Amino acid sequence: MTINTTVSKGLFAAVAAGALLVGGASAATAADHDTERRTTGRALPGNWMYLGVMEGDGAFGDLQARLLRCPPGKGNGHPNAGAACKALAKAEGEIANIKPADVACPMIYKPVTAVAYGMWDGTRRIYAKSFSNDCVMGAMTGKVFQLAE
């Protein structure tokens, strides 16, 4: 199940604003990537995503968020960084291109919304999608949004 476009944009705007406030260095990195790519035609190294998961089907809920840096290293806030980076690398940084896992999820409606903002190979990436439950989210996105430690 997906949420309507207005709610989706509102959710992302909230997470993106939080990313800019909390991760000022990350915001600066995004600007640096864009400037470098425009002036030299090549991007600065390093990939990162600010990831968030909200419970519920409304525009507001408890947000769990983490910064994922790829390749994983010291200071990475994502508990499944290695697997998440591997999945994103295979999908060329596009979360929607991650190959879904062949798993059976319970048909329990306990919605979650996943949002992401970041840079991958010098290109900004944005993602927002609601799922009927966290099992479906995990099947569709691998370890990317498994943020609990």
C-alpha atoms as a PDB file:
ATOM      1  CA  MET A   1       0.000   0.000   0.000  1.00  0.00           C
ATOM      2  CA  THR A   2       1.311   3.438  -0.852  1.00  0.00           C
ATOM      3  CA  ILE A   3       0.441   6.742   0.693  1.00  0.00           C
ATOM      4  CA  ASN A   4      -0.787   9.641  -1.407  1.00  0.00           C
ATOM      5  CA  THR A   5       1.707  11.984  -3.013  1.00  0.00           C
ATOM      6  CA  THR A   6       1.031  14.910  -0.676  1.00  0.00           C
ATOM      7  CA  VAL A   7       1.646  12.852   2.444  1.00  0.00           C
ATOM      8  CA  SER A   8       4.690  11.213   0.849  1.00  0.00           C
ATOM      9  CA  LYS A   9       6.210  14.594  -0.006  1.00  0.00           C
ATOM     10  CA  GLY A  10       5.431  15.874   3.496  1.00  0.00           C
ATOM     11  CA  LEU A  11       7.089  12.862   5.104  1.00  0.00           C
ATOM     12  CA  PHE A  12      10.154  13.218   2.969  1.00  0.00           C
ATOM     13  CA  ALA A  13      10.351  16.959   3.556  1.00  0.00           C
ATOM     14  CA  ALA A  14      10.308  16.338   7.302  1.00  0.00           C
ATOM     15  CA  VAL A  15      13.038  13.697   7.104  1.00  0.00           C
ATOM     16  CA  ALA A  16      15.129  15.739   4.675  1.00  0.00           C
ATOM     17  CA  ALA A  17      14.840  18.796   6.915  1.00  0.00           C
ATOM     18  CA  GLY A  18      15.882  16.661   9.883  1.00  0.00           C
ATOM     19  CA  ALA A  19      18.804  15.328   7.880  1.00  0.00           C
ATOM     20  CA  LEU A  20      19.939  18.843   7.117  1.00  0.00           C
ATOM     21  CA  LEU A  21      19.614  19.937  10.735  1.00  0.00           C
ATOM     22  CA  VAL A  22      21.123  16.821  12.312  1.00  0.00           C
ATOM     23  CA  GLY A  23      23.661  16.032   9.636  1.00  0.00           C
ATOM     24  CA  GLY A  24      25.023  19.409   8.655  1.00  0.00           C
ATOM     25  CA  ALA A  25      28.196  17.766   7.417  1.00  0.00           C
ATOM     26  CA  SER A  26      26.129  15.525   5.174  1.00  0.00           C
ATOM     27  CA  ALA A  27      24.317  18.523   3.705  1.00  0.00           C
ATOM     28  CA  ALA A  28      27.657  20.166   3.040  1.00  0.00           C
ATOM     29  CA  THR A  29      28.842  16.960   1.389  1.00  0.00           C
ATOM     30  CA  ALA A  30      25.829  17.041  -0.957  1.00  0.00           C
ATOM     31  CA  ALA A  31      26.655  20.609  -1.983  1.00  0.00           C
ATOM     32  CA  ASP A  32      30.329  19.670  -2.456  1.00  0.00           C
ATOM     33  CA  HIS A  33      29.349  16.723  -4.679  1.00  0.00           C
ATOM     34  CA  ASP A  34      27.149  18.934  -6.865  1.00  0.00           C
ATOM     35  CA  THR A  35      29.791  21.673  -7.173  1.00  0.00           C
ATOM     36  CA  GLU A  36      32.572  19.192  -7.970  1.00  0.00           C
ATOM     37  CA  ARG A  37      30.474  17.415 -10.579  1.00  0.00           C
ATOM     38  CA  ARG A  38      29.465  20.676 -12.294  1.00  0.00           C
ATOM     39  CA  THR A  39      32.983  22.126 -12.397  1.00  0.00           C
ATOM     40  CA  THR A  40      35.074  19.054 -13.187  1.00  0.00           C
ATOM     41  CA  GLY A  41      32.598  16.518 -14.563  1.00  0.00           C
ATOM     42  CA  ARG A  42      33.436  13.996 -11.836  1.00  0.00           C
ATOM     43  CA  ALA A  43      31.958  13.361  -8.426  1.00  0.00           C
ATOM     44  CA  LEU A  44      33.696  13.255  -5.092  1.00  0.00           C
ATOM     45  CA  PRO A  45      34.076   9.749  -3.653  1.00  0.00           C
ATOM     46  CA  GLY A  46      31.754   8.425  -0.997  1.00  0.00           C
ATOM     47  CA  ASN A  47      28.155   7.354  -0.829  1.00  0.00           C
ATOM     48  CA  TRP A  48      25.728   8.082   1.987  1.00  0.00           C
ATOM     49  CA  MET A  49      22.026   7.873   2.763  1.00  0.00           C
ATOM     50  CA  TYR A  50      20.041   9.363   5.611  1.00  0.00           C
ATOM     51  CA  LEU A  51      17.380   6.700   6.239  1.00  0.00           C
ATOM     52  CA  GLY A  52      14.197   6.906   8.260  1.00  0.00           C
ATOM     53  CA  VAL A  53      11.328   4.569   9.151  1.00  0.00           C
ATOM     54  CA  MET A  54       8.048   5.745  10.636  1.00  0.00           C
ATOM     55  CA  GLU A  55       5.406   3.481  12.118  1.00  0.00           C
ATOM     56  CA  GLY A  56       1.783   4.084  11.213  1.00  0.00           C
ATOM     57  CA  ASP A  57      -0.119   5.152   8.166  1.00  0.00           C
ATOM     58  CA  GLY A  58      -0.437   8.852   8.985  1.00  0.00           C
ATOM     59  CA  ALA A  59       1.876  11.720   8.211  1.00  0.00           C
ATOM     60  CA  PHE A  60       3.230  11.703  11.745  1.00  0.00           C
ATOM     61  CA  GLY A  61       4.662   8.903  13.820  1.00  0.00           C
ATOM     62  CA  ASP A  62       7.726   7.864  15.721  1.00  0.00           C
ATOM     63  CA  LEU A  63      10.717   8.224  13.422  1.00  0.00           C
ATOM     64  CA  GLN A  64      13.719   5.964  13.695  1.00  0.00           C
ATOM     65  CA  ALA A  65      16.597   7.324  11.617  1.00  0.00           C
ATOM     66  CA  ARG A  66      20.205   6.474  10.854  1.00  0.00           C
ATOM     67  CA  LEU A  67      22.993   7.698   8.624  1.00  0.00           C
ATOM     68  CA  LEU A  68      24.446   5.040   6.332  1.00  0.00           C
ATOM     69  CA  ARG A  69      27.897   5.596   4.852  1.00  0.00           C
ATOM     70  CA  CYS A  70      29.265   3.317   2.162  1.00  0.00           C
ATOM     71  CA  PRO A  71      31.668   1.701   2.285  1.00  0.00           C
ATOM     72  CA  PRO A  72      30.960   1.064   5.952  1.00  0.00           C
ATOM     73  CA  GLY A  73      33.524   2.301   8.378  1.00  0.00           C
ATOM     74  CA  LYS A  74      34.036   3.811  11.772  1.00  0.00           C
ATOM     75  CA  GLY A  75      31.249   6.126  12.849  1.00  0.00           C
ATOM     76  CA  ASN A  76      28.590   4.503  10.679  1.00  0.00           C
ATOM     77  CA  GLY A  77      25.248   4.739  12.502  1.00  0.00           C
ATOM     78  CA  HIS A  78      23.571   1.889  10.600  1.00  0.00           C
ATOM     79  CA  PRO A  79      23.586  -1.484  12.413  1.00  0.00           C
ATOM     80  CA  ASN A  80      23.444  -3.472   9.139  1.00  0.00           C
ATOM     81  CA  ALA A  81      25.774  -1.236   7.144  1.00  0.00           C
ATOM     82  CA  GLY A  82      27.639  -3.969   5.271  1.00  0.00           C
ATOM     83  CA  ALA A  83      24.532  -5.688   3.916  1.00  0.00           C
ATOM     84  CA  ALA A  84      22.777  -2.370   3.244  1.00  0.00           C
ATOM     85  CA  CYS A  85      25.752  -1.007   1.281  1.00  0.00           C
ATOM     86  CA  LYS A  86      26.019  -4.236  -0.700  1.00  0.00           C
ATOM     87  CA  ALA A  87      22.314  -4.110  -1.647  1.00  0.00           C
ATOM     88  CA  LEU A  88      22.576  -0.450  -2.639  1.00  0.00           C
ATOM     89  CA  ALA A  89      25.708  -1.095  -4.692  1.00  0.00           C
ATOM     90  CA  LYS A  90      23.922  -3.852  -6.639  1.00  0.00           C
ATOM     91  CA  ALA A  91      20.980  -1.476  -7.217  1.00  0.00           C
ATOM     92  CA  GLU A  92      23.304   1.414  -8.216  1.00  0.00           C
ATOM     93  CA  GLY A  93      22.041   3.467  -5.277  1.00  0.00           C
ATOM     94  CA  GLU A  94      18.354   3.206  -6.258  1.00  0.00           C
ATOM     95  CA  ILE A  95      16.423   1.637  -3.390  1.00  0.00           C
ATOM     96  CA  ALA A  96      13.485   0.931  -5.708  1.00  0.00           C
ATOM     97  CA  ASN A  97      15.805  -1.269  -7.819  1.00  0.00           C
ATOM     98  CA  ILE A  98      16.696  -3.634  -4.974  1.00  0.00           C
ATOM     99  CA  LYS A  99      15.651  -7.153  -5.941  1.00  0.00           C
ATOM    100  CA  PRO A 100      12.767  -8.255  -3.668  1.00  0.00           C
ATOM    101  CA  ALA A 101      13.420 -11.278  -1.454  1.00  0.00           C
ATOM    102  CA  ASP A 102      11.231 -14.334  -1.905  1.00  0.00           C
ATOM    103  CA  VAL A 103       9.707 -14.473   1.579  1.00  0.00           C
ATOM    104  CA  ALA A 104       6.239 -15.062   2.980  1.00  0.00           C
ATOM    105  CA  CYS A 105       5.079 -12.136   5.108  1.00  0.00           C
ATOM    106  CA  PRO A 106       2.078 -12.201   7.437  1.00  0.00           C
ATOM    107  CA  MET A 107      -1.020 -10.432   6.179  1.00  0.00           C
ATOM    108  CA  ILE A 108      -1.135  -8.156   9.207  1.00  0.00           C
ATOM    109  CA  TYR A 109      -1.740  -4.495   8.535  1.00  0.00           C
ATOM    110  CA  LYS A 110       0.761  -2.582  10.643  1.00  0.00           C
ATOM    111  CA  PRO A 111       1.999   0.063   8.188  1.00  0.00           C
ATOM    112  CA  VAL A 112       5.456   1.579   8.057  1.00  0.00           C
ATOM    113  CA  THR A 113       6.854   4.320   5.851  1.00  0.00           C
ATOM    114  CA  ALA A 114      10.455   4.300   4.673  1.00  0.00           C
ATOM    115  CA  VAL A 115      12.189   7.500   3.538  1.00  0.00           C
ATOM    116  CA  ALA A 116      15.714   8.166   2.326  1.00  0.00           C
ATOM    117  CA  TYR A 117      17.800  11.097   1.164  1.00  0.00           C
ATOM    118  CA  GLY A 118      21.428  10.971   0.136  1.00  0.00           C
ATOM    119  CA  MET A 119      24.147  10.825  -2.491  1.00  0.00           C
ATOM    120  CA  TRP A 120      25.209   7.810  -4.512  1.00  0.00           C
ATOM    121  CA  ASP A 121      28.036   8.044  -7.056  1.00  0.00           C
ATOM    122  CA  GLY A 122      27.629  11.816  -7.087  1.00  0.00           C
ATOM    123  CA  THR A 123      23.874  11.765  -7.729  1.00  0.00           C
ATOM    124  CA  ARG A 124      21.212  12.780  -5.232  1.00  0.00           C
ATOM    125  CA  ARG A 125      18.857   9.991  -4.277  1.00  0.00           C
ATOM    126  CA  ILE A 126      15.388  10.386  -2.766  1.00  0.00           C
ATOM    127  CA  TYR A 127      13.023   7.588  -1.783  1.00  0.00           C
ATOM    128  CA  ALA A 128       9.705   7.436   0.087  1.00  0.00           C
ATOM    129  CA  LYS A 129       7.312   4.485   0.224  1.00  0.00           C
ATOM    130  CA  SER A 130       4.782   3.015   2.620  1.00  0.00           C
ATOM    131  CA  PHE A 131       4.483  -0.710   3.201  1.00  0.00           C
ATOM    132  CA  SER A 132       1.712  -2.759   4.832  1.00  0.00           C
ATOM    133  CA  ASN A 133       4.148  -4.007   7.512  1.00  0.00           C
ATOM    134  CA  ASP A 134       7.861  -4.179   8.307  1.00  0.00           C
ATOM    135  CA  CYS A 135       8.194  -7.700   6.860  1.00  0.00           C
ATOM    136  CA  VAL A 136       7.060  -6.457   3.451  1.00  0.00           C
ATOM    137  CA  MET A 137       9.412  -3.468   3.762  1.00  0.00           C
ATOM    138  CA  GLY A 138      12.316  -5.822   4.537  1.00  0.00           C
ATOM    139  CA  ALA A 139      11.418  -8.105   1.638  1.00  0.00           C
ATOM    140  CA  MET A 140      11.401  -5.160  -0.765  1.00  0.00           C
ATOM    141  CA  THR A 141      14.435  -3.237   0.527  1.00  0.00           C
ATOM    142  CA  GLY A 142      16.699  -5.847   2.133  1.00  0.00           C
ATOM    143  CA  LYS A 143      18.701  -4.590   5.111  1.00  0.00           C
ATOM    144  CA  VAL A 144      18.615  -0.937   4.017  1.00  0.00           C
ATOM    145  CA  PHE A 145      15.805   0.061   6.403  1.00  0.00           C
ATOM    146  CA  GLN A 146      16.568  -2.433   9.180  1.00  0.00           C
ATOM    147  CA  LEU A 147      17.667   0.296  11.550  1.00  0.00           C
ATOM    148  CA  ALA A 148      17.077  -1.343  14.958  1.00  0.00           C
ATOM    149  CA  GLU A 149      20.170  -2.542  16.764  1.00  0.00           C
END
